[in-house]
Amino acid sequence: MPKMKIAYTNSLEDWAAAQAHELDTWPVFRDAVFAWRWALAIGAGVLVAWAASHSSTLVRAGSGCAVAVGIYFWYPRYVRNRYLTAGLARMNVRESLPFLTGERIVEVTADGLRLQSTAGEHLIRWAFVKAVEEGPKHVFVRYRYGLGLPIPKSSLTSGEKDALISSLRERVEGPANPALNPTGLRPAG
């Protein structure tokens, strides 16, 4: 596999996009929100129906259902926005997180992804890279839930973007051609 080297600049907006993408695709977050949204919706609905116990059955049922449906739809947006707002507030303290923003060079090598930035040089071996995902404005290289690398598409030409995604996916998922990878197993990192 030929080496590929890409230079770009990360901003806080890139990391906010990475957090939002993580929240939207992370099964643990979705499952936790799903469980809590049902518990809160049912609990609040029953509580409102009980509080309206001196009203007619129709008013109690309607009040309980209205509150339950409202919480069911409101809660996931509330948690996501709260998490993102808190994360951005923590990231705005640039001195405490110097590795988030600034110039960065990513090199795709046979051993893994070599990252160079103001924080130093790191090698993420292929065995640790979990997924390569494409968002509207970024390519996300996920090497652990909650950790990943946002690469802005604006820093890539169309050819570079396609070559980067295909070479990363080939290393992470194996060759696309089943004849080259008959077992379906990931290549050794």
C-alpha atoms as a PDB file:
ATOM      1  CA  MET A   1       0.000   0.000   0.000  1.00  0.00           C
ATOM      2  CA  PRO A   2       1.474   3.385  -0.936  1.00  0.00           C
ATOM      3  CA  LYS A   3       1.999   5.946   1.783  1.00  0.00           C
ATOM      4  CA  MET A   4      -0.373   8.877   1.891  1.00  0.00           C
ATOM      5  CA  LYS A   5       0.309  12.110   3.745  1.00  0.00           C
ATOM      6  CA  ILE A   6      -2.297  14.812   4.404  1.00  0.00           C
ATOM      7  CA  ALA A   7      -1.747  18.145   6.151  1.00  0.00           C
ATOM      8  CA  TYR A   8      -4.648  20.141   7.582  1.00  0.00           C
ATOM      9  CA  THR A   9      -5.721  22.363  10.470  1.00  0.00           C
ATOM     10  CA  ASN A  10      -8.190  21.319  13.156  1.00  0.00           C
ATOM     11  CA  SER A  11     -10.470  23.851  14.827  1.00  0.00           C
ATOM     12  CA  LEU A  12     -12.838  23.544  17.772  1.00  0.00           C
ATOM     13  CA  GLU A  13     -15.687  23.258  15.264  1.00  0.00           C
ATOM     14  CA  ASP A  14     -14.065  20.116  13.835  1.00  0.00           C
ATOM     15  CA  TRP A  15     -13.966  18.545  17.291  1.00  0.00           C
ATOM     16  CA  ALA A  16     -17.550  19.607  17.988  1.00  0.00           C
ATOM     17  CA  ALA A  17     -18.563  17.874  14.742  1.00  0.00           C
ATOM     18  CA  ALA A  18     -16.656  14.772  15.882  1.00  0.00           C
ATOM     19  CA  GLN A  19     -18.506  14.795  19.220  1.00  0.00           C
ATOM     20  CA  ALA A  20     -21.870  15.236  17.512  1.00  0.00           C
ATOM     21  CA  HIS A  21     -21.082  12.390  15.099  1.00  0.00           C
ATOM     22  CA  GLU A  22     -20.042  10.196  18.022  1.00  0.00           C
ATOM     23  CA  LEU A  23     -23.279  10.898  19.882  1.00  0.00           C
ATOM     24  CA  ASP A  24     -25.375  10.220  16.796  1.00  0.00           C
ATOM     25  CA  THR A  25     -23.689   6.895  16.017  1.00  0.00           C
ATOM     26  CA  TRP A  26     -22.541   5.508  19.388  1.00  0.00           C
ATOM     27  CA  PRO A  27     -24.764   2.561  20.409  1.00  0.00           C
ATOM     28  CA  VAL A  28     -24.057   2.985  24.142  1.00  0.00           C
ATOM     29  CA  PHE A  29     -25.331   6.580  24.062  1.00  0.00           C
ATOM     30  CA  ARG A  30     -28.389   5.624  21.997  1.00  0.00           C
ATOM     31  CA  ASP A  31     -29.246   2.728  24.328  1.00  0.00           C
ATOM     32  CA  ALA A  32     -28.887   4.857  27.466  1.00  0.00           C
ATOM     33  CA  VAL A  33     -31.042   7.631  26.015  1.00  0.00           C
ATOM     34  CA  PHE A  34     -33.605   5.077  24.830  1.00  0.00           C
ATOM     35  CA  ALA A  35     -33.909   3.516  28.286  1.00  0.00           C
ATOM     36  CA  TRP A  36     -34.090   6.839  30.125  1.00  0.00           C
ATOM     37  CA  ARG A  37     -36.524   8.407  27.660  1.00  0.00           C
ATOM     38  CA  TRP A  38     -39.009   5.572  28.211  1.00  0.00           C
ATOM     39  CA  ALA A  39     -38.573   5.592  31.991  1.00  0.00           C
ATOM     40  CA  LEU A  40     -38.998   9.368  32.236  1.00  0.00           C
ATOM     41  CA  ALA A  41     -41.900   9.478  29.799  1.00  0.00           C
ATOM     42  CA  ILE A  42     -43.841   6.715  31.540  1.00  0.00           C
ATOM     43  CA  GLY A  43     -42.989   7.980  35.025  1.00  0.00           C
ATOM     44  CA  ALA A  44     -43.946  11.580  34.283  1.00  0.00           C
ATOM     45  CA  GLY A  45     -47.102  10.486  32.462  1.00  0.00           C
ATOM     46  CA  VAL A  46     -48.234   8.356  35.406  1.00  0.00           C
ATOM     47  CA  LEU A  47     -47.367  11.149  37.846  1.00  0.00           C
ATOM     48  CA  VAL A  48     -49.412  13.709  35.888  1.00  0.00           C
ATOM     49  CA  ALA A  49     -52.324  11.274  35.574  1.00  0.00           C
ATOM     50  CA  TRP A  50     -52.186  10.666  39.331  1.00  0.00           C
ATOM     51  CA  ALA A  51     -51.997  14.409  40.059  1.00  0.00           C
ATOM     52  CA  ALA A  52     -55.136  14.906  37.965  1.00  0.00           C
ATOM     53  CA  SER A  53     -56.962  12.154  39.856  1.00  0.00           C
ATOM     54  CA  HIS A  54     -59.875  14.460  40.706  1.00  0.00           C
ATOM     55  CA  SER A  55     -60.532  15.024  37.007  1.00  0.00           C
ATOM     56  CA  SER A  56     -62.352  12.812  34.552  1.00  0.00           C
ATOM     57  CA  THR A  57     -60.696   9.720  33.105  1.00  0.00           C
ATOM     58  CA  LEU A  58     -60.342  11.421  29.731  1.00  0.00           C
ATOM     59  CA  VAL A  59     -58.508  14.423  31.250  1.00  0.00           C
ATOM     60  CA  ARG A  60     -56.189  12.151  33.266  1.00  0.00           C
ATOM     61  CA  ALA A  61     -55.358   9.981  30.254  1.00  0.00           C
ATOM     62  CA  GLY A  62     -54.929  12.983  27.963  1.00  0.00           C
ATOM     63  CA  SER A  63     -52.704  14.846  30.438  1.00  0.00           C
ATOM     64  CA  GLY A  64     -50.565  11.786  31.130  1.00  0.00           C
ATOM     65  CA  CYS A  65     -50.167  10.986  27.423  1.00  0.00           C
ATOM     66  CA  ALA A  66     -49.368  14.594  26.497  1.00  0.00           C
ATOM     67  CA  VAL A  67     -46.590  14.806  29.097  1.00  0.00           C
ATOM     68  CA  ALA A  68     -45.251  11.350  28.200  1.00  0.00           C
ATOM     69  CA  VAL A  69     -45.117  12.114  24.461  1.00  0.00           C
ATOM     70  CA  GLY A  70     -43.506  15.509  25.102  1.00  0.00           C
ATOM     71  CA  ILE A  71     -40.751  14.012  27.253  1.00  0.00           C
ATOM     72  CA  TYR A  72     -40.274  11.120  24.828  1.00  0.00           C
ATOM     73  CA  PHE A  73     -39.444  13.505  21.966  1.00  0.00           C
ATOM     74  CA  TRP A  74     -37.726  16.238  24.007  1.00  0.00           C
ATOM     75  CA  TYR A  75     -35.324  14.174  26.129  1.00  0.00           C
ATOM     76  CA  PRO A  76     -32.852  12.901  23.415  1.00  0.00           C
ATOM     77  CA  ARG A  77     -32.401  16.429  22.004  1.00  0.00           C
ATOM     78  CA  TYR A  78     -31.935  17.831  25.505  1.00  0.00           C
ATOM     79  CA  VAL A  79     -29.230  15.298  26.451  1.00  0.00           C
ATOM     80  CA  ARG A  80     -27.392  15.665  23.127  1.00  0.00           C
ATOM     81  CA  ASN A  81     -27.396  19.467  23.267  1.00  0.00           C
ATOM     82  CA  ARG A  82     -26.397  19.500  26.932  1.00  0.00           C
ATOM     83  CA  TYR A  83     -23.502  17.126  26.285  1.00  0.00           C
ATOM     84  CA  LEU A  84     -22.290  19.099  23.264  1.00  0.00           C
ATOM     85  CA  THR A  85     -22.596  22.448  25.068  1.00  0.00           C
ATOM     86  CA  ALA A  86     -20.653  21.150  28.067  1.00  0.00           C
ATOM     87  CA  GLY A  87     -18.018  19.606  25.793  1.00  0.00           C
ATOM     88  CA  LEU A  88     -17.547  22.832  23.851  1.00  0.00           C
ATOM     89  CA  ALA A  89     -17.248  24.805  27.078  1.00  0.00           C
ATOM     90  CA  ARG A  90     -14.470  22.483  28.247  1.00  0.00           C
ATOM     91  CA  MET A  91     -12.741  22.684  24.861  1.00  0.00           C
ATOM     92  CA  ASN A  92     -12.807  26.485  24.812  1.00  0.00           C
ATOM     93  CA  VAL A  93     -10.023  26.498  27.394  1.00  0.00           C
ATOM     94  CA  ARG A  94      -7.326  26.198  24.747  1.00  0.00           C
ATOM     95  CA  GLU A  95      -4.422  26.070  27.213  1.00  0.00           C
ATOM     96  CA  SER A  96      -5.700  22.868  28.813  1.00  0.00           C
ATOM     97  CA  LEU A  97      -6.146  21.022  25.490  1.00  0.00           C
ATOM     98  CA  PRO A  98      -3.342  22.096  23.130  1.00  0.00           C
ATOM     99  CA  PHE A  99      -3.579  18.896  21.074  1.00  0.00           C
ATOM    100  CA  LEU A 100      -7.105  19.614  19.786  1.00  0.00           C
ATOM    101  CA  THR A 101      -6.485  22.513  17.463  1.00  0.00           C
ATOM    102  CA  GLY A 102      -3.784  23.578  15.075  1.00  0.00           C
ATOM    103  CA  GLU A 103      -1.730  22.145  12.259  1.00  0.00           C
ATOM    104  CA  ARG A 104      -1.743  18.401  11.885  1.00  0.00           C
ATOM    105  CA  ILE A 105      -0.237  15.876   9.495  1.00  0.00           C
ATOM    106  CA  VAL A 106      -1.745  12.413   9.074  1.00  0.00           C
ATOM    107  CA  GLU A 107       0.270   9.785   7.276  1.00  0.00           C
ATOM    108  CA  VAL A 108      -1.201   6.423   6.266  1.00  0.00           C
ATOM    109  CA  THR A 109       1.587   3.854   6.626  1.00  0.00           C
ATOM    110  CA  ALA A 110       1.804   0.068   6.659  1.00  0.00           C
ATOM    111  CA  ASP A 111       2.021   0.126  10.486  1.00  0.00           C
ATOM    112  CA  GLY A 112      -0.891   2.487  11.113  1.00  0.00           C
ATOM    113  CA  LEU A 113      -1.816   6.153  11.172  1.00  0.00           C
ATOM    114  CA  ARG A 114       1.071   8.439  12.042  1.00  0.00           C
ATOM    115  CA  LEU A 115      -0.119  11.734  13.530  1.00  0.00           C
ATOM    116  CA  GLN A 116       2.107  14.770  13.838  1.00  0.00           C
ATOM    117  CA  SER A 117       0.963  17.902  15.649  1.00  0.00           C
ATOM    118  CA  THR A 118       2.139  20.444  18.189  1.00  0.00           C
ATOM    119  CA  ALA A 119       1.528  17.819  20.893  1.00  0.00           C
ATOM    120  CA  GLY A 120       4.080  15.476  19.303  1.00  0.00           C
ATOM    121  CA  GLU A 121       4.034  12.436  17.085  1.00  0.00           C
ATOM    122  CA  HIS A 122       1.811   9.398  17.616  1.00  0.00           C
ATOM    123  CA  LEU A 123       1.279   6.101  15.847  1.00  0.00           C
ATOM    124  CA  ILE A 124      -2.165   4.500  15.976  1.00  0.00           C
ATOM    125  CA  ARG A 125      -1.719   0.899  14.899  1.00  0.00           C
ATOM    126  CA  TRP A 126      -4.286  -0.573  12.508  1.00  0.00           C
ATOM    127  CA  ALA A 127      -5.475  -3.080  15.104  1.00  0.00           C
ATOM    128  CA  PHE A 128      -6.820  -0.165  17.173  1.00  0.00           C
ATOM    129  CA  VAL A 129      -8.666   1.625  14.353  1.00  0.00           C
ATOM    130  CA  LYS A 130     -12.319   0.581  14.669  1.00  0.00           C
ATOM    131  CA  ALA A 131     -14.091   2.397  11.840  1.00  0.00           C
ATOM    132  CA  VAL A 132     -13.819   4.934   9.059  1.00  0.00           C
ATOM    133  CA  GLU A 133     -16.981   6.987   8.623  1.00  0.00           C
ATOM    134  CA  GLU A 134     -17.895   9.841   6.372  1.00  0.00           C
ATOM    135  CA  GLY A 135     -19.949  12.799   7.567  1.00  0.00           C
ATOM    136  CA  PRO A 136     -21.195  15.799   5.614  1.00  0.00           C
ATOM    137  CA  LYS A 137     -18.048  17.880   6.257  1.00  0.00           C
ATOM    138  CA  HIS A 138     -15.576  15.404   7.763  1.00  0.00           C
ATOM    139  CA  VAL A 139     -14.016  11.983   7.481  1.00  0.00           C
ATOM    140  CA  PHE A 140     -13.996  10.400  10.949  1.00  0.00           C
ATOM    141  CA  VAL A 141     -11.393   7.801  11.856  1.00  0.00           C
ATOM    142  CA  ARG A 142     -12.623   6.154  15.041  1.00  0.00           C
ATOM    143  CA  TYR A 143     -10.052   4.289  17.080  1.00  0.00           C
ATOM    144  CA  ARG A 144     -12.140   3.900  20.218  1.00  0.00           C
ATOM    145  CA  TYR A 145     -15.589   5.013  21.231  1.00  0.00           C
ATOM    146  CA  GLY A 146     -15.192   8.564  22.349  1.00  0.00           C
ATOM    147  CA  LEU A 147     -11.834   8.891  20.603  1.00  0.00           C
ATOM    148  CA  GLY A 148     -11.301   9.551  16.971  1.00  0.00           C
ATOM    149  CA  LEU A 149      -9.802  11.816  14.417  1.00  0.00           C
ATOM    150  CA  PRO A 150     -11.882  14.350  12.467  1.00  0.00           C
ATOM    151  CA  ILE A 151     -10.347  15.181   9.097  1.00  0.00           C
ATOM    152  CA  PRO A 152     -12.076  18.150   7.427  1.00  0.00           C
ATOM    153  CA  LYS A 153     -13.108  17.382   3.847  1.00  0.00           C
ATOM    154  CA  SER A 154     -12.350  21.000   2.951  1.00  0.00           C
ATOM    155  CA  SER A 155      -8.634  20.216   3.378  1.00  0.00           C
ATOM    156  CA  LEU A 156      -8.805  17.422   0.783  1.00  0.00           C
ATOM    157  CA  THR A 157      -9.296  17.428  -2.949  1.00  0.00           C
ATOM    158  CA  SER A 158     -11.917  15.053  -4.291  1.00  0.00           C
ATOM    159  CA  GLY A 159      -9.258  12.566  -5.401  1.00  0.00           C
ATOM    160  CA  GLU A 160      -7.443  12.745  -2.063  1.00  0.00           C
ATOM    161  CA  LYS A 161     -10.686  12.202  -0.156  1.00  0.00           C
ATOM    162  CA  ASP A 162     -11.605   9.116  -2.180  1.00  0.00           C
ATOM    163  CA  ALA A 163      -8.071   7.705  -1.969  1.00  0.00           C
ATOM    164  CA  LEU A 164      -7.900   8.359   1.782  1.00  0.00           C
ATOM    165  CA  ILE A 165     -11.261   6.742   2.524  1.00  0.00           C
ATOM    166  CA  SER A 166     -10.592   3.690   0.342  1.00  0.00           C
ATOM    167  CA  SER A 167      -7.092   3.115   1.739  1.00  0.00           C
ATOM    168  CA  LEU A 168      -8.288   3.530   5.331  1.00  0.00           C
ATOM    169  CA  ARG A 169     -11.271   1.237   4.827  1.00  0.00           C
ATOM    170  CA  GLU A 170      -9.099  -1.369   3.124  1.00  0.00           C
ATOM    171  CA  ARG A 171      -6.765  -1.411   6.132  1.00  0.00           C
ATOM    172  CA  VAL A 172      -9.609  -1.459   8.676  1.00  0.00           C
ATOM    173  CA  GLU A 173     -12.223  -3.634   6.945  1.00  0.00           C
ATOM    174  CA  GLY A 174     -10.080  -5.645   4.544  1.00  0.00           C
ATOM    175  CA  PRO A 175     -10.088  -5.619   0.743  1.00  0.00           C
ATOM    176  CA  ALA A 176     -13.432  -4.886  -0.914  1.00  0.00           C
ATOM    177  CA  ASN A 177     -12.879  -7.712  -3.400  1.00  0.00           C
ATOM    178  CA  PRO A 178     -13.961 -11.040  -1.776  1.00  0.00           C
ATOM    179  CA  ALA A 179     -11.488 -12.926  -3.976  1.00  0.00           C
ATOM    180  CA  LEU A 180      -8.638 -11.051  -2.242  1.00  0.00           C
ATOM    181  CA  ASN A 181     -10.093 -11.639   1.240  1.00  0.00           C
ATOM    182  CA  PRO A 182     -12.094 -14.904   1.100  1.00  0.00           C
ATOM    183  CA  THR A 183     -12.239 -15.340   4.900  1.00  0.00           C
ATOM    184  CA  GLY A 184     -13.704 -11.875   5.547  1.00  0.00           C
ATOM    185  CA  LEU A 185     -11.224 -11.391   8.373  1.00  0.00           C
ATOM    186  CA  ARG A 186      -9.470  -8.106   9.018  1.00  0.00           C
ATOM    187  CA  PRO A 187      -5.868  -7.995   7.830  1.00  0.00           C
ATOM    188  CA  ALA A 188      -3.222  -8.305  10.518  1.00  0.00           C
ATOM    189  CA  GLY A 189      -2.099  -4.915  11.862  1.00  0.00           C
END
